């Protein structure tokens, strides 16, 4: 099964885009609300608030909506 690629945005679907084509770094599964992660550029930690997941793993409509998380 292909891993999903995500657009990572702050606060809403229209929020500032932190990353495009982000691939979830955990070895199993996909992100879920409440998960905390850092981006490959070292920014974060970020907490997943919501997500928009399409049926196609590489769709530009796959969006992770995040907020800053305290480390």
Protein backbone atom coordinates (compact mmCIF):
# COMPACT_ATOMS: atom_id res chain seq x y z
CA UNK A 1 0.00 0.00 0.00
CA UNK A 2 1.35 3.42 -0.97
CA UNK A 3 2.10 5.96 1.73
CA UNK A 4 0.08 9.16 1.62
CA UNK A 5 1.70 12.48 0.80
CA UNK A 6 0.44 15.47 2.74
CA UNK A 7 0.27 19.22 2.56
CA UNK A 8 0.93 20.41 6.13
CA UNK A 9 -0.88 23.64 7.07
CA UNK A 10 -1.20 25.68 10.27
CA UNK A 11 -4.68 26.08 11.75
CA UNK A 12 -6.92 25.49 8.72
CA UNK A 13 -7.06 24.22 5.14
CA UNK A 14 -6.18 27.74 4.01
CA UNK A 15 -3.48 28.28 6.66
CA UNK A 16 0.20 28.85 6.02
CA UNK A 17 1.72 25.85 4.27
CA UNK A 18 4.63 24.37 6.20
CA UNK A 19 5.38 21.50 3.81
CA UNK A 20 4.21 19.88 0.60
CA UNK A 21 4.56 16.22 -0.29
CA UNK A 22 5.26 15.35 3.36
CA UNK A 23 5.35 11.61 3.92
CA UNK A 24 4.41 10.46 7.45
CA UNK A 25 7.65 9.36 9.10
CA UNK A 26 6.21 6.61 11.30
CA UNK A 27 6.83 3.11 9.95
CA UNK A 28 3.21 1.95 10.34
CA UNK A 29 -0.07 3.63 9.51
CA UNK A 30 -0.90 7.23 8.79
CA UNK A 31 -1.27 10.26 11.07
CA UNK A 32 -4.24 10.67 13.39
CA UNK A 33 -5.70 13.62 15.30
CA UNK A 34 -3.53 14.30 18.35
CA UNK A 35 -0.31 12.83 16.92
CA UNK A 36 2.80 14.96 17.48
CA UNK A 37 5.64 15.08 14.96
CA UNK A 38 8.46 17.20 13.54
CA UNK A 39 9.05 17.97 9.89
CA UNK A 40 12.23 16.91 8.06
CA UNK A 41 13.42 20.55 8.09
CA UNK A 42 13.58 20.34 11.90
CA UNK A 43 10.54 22.51 12.58
CA UNK A 44 8.09 21.43 15.21
CA UNK A 45 6.89 19.75 17.19
CA UNK A 46 3.47 19.96 15.53
CA UNK A 47 0.19 18.43 16.72
CA UNK A 48 -2.37 17.15 14.20
CA UNK A 49 -5.69 19.00 14.73
CA UNK A 50 -7.56 17.65 11.72
CA UNK A 51 -6.97 16.07 8.36
CA UNK A 52 -8.47 15.91 4.89
CA UNK A 53 -7.65 12.55 3.31
CA UNK A 54 -8.61 11.74 -0.28
CA UNK A 55 -8.78 8.26 -1.80
CA UNK A 56 -5.56 8.86 -3.75
CA UNK A 57 -2.29 8.72 -1.77
CA UNK A 58 -0.54 11.46 -3.78
CA UNK A 59 -3.53 13.83 -4.09
CA UNK A 60 -2.83 17.52 -3.39
CA UNK A 61 -6.09 17.40 -1.40
CA UNK A 62 -4.47 15.38 1.40
CA UNK A 63 -4.03 18.00 4.11
CA UNK A 64 -2.76 17.78 7.69
CA UNK A 65 -3.99 20.72 9.77
CA UNK A 66 -1.61 21.33 12.66
CA UNK A 67 -0.78 23.60 15.58
CA UNK A 68 2.44 24.07 17.47
CA UNK A 69 2.89 21.53 20.26
CA UNK A 70 4.92 22.06 23.40
CA UNK A 71 7.85 19.69 23.56
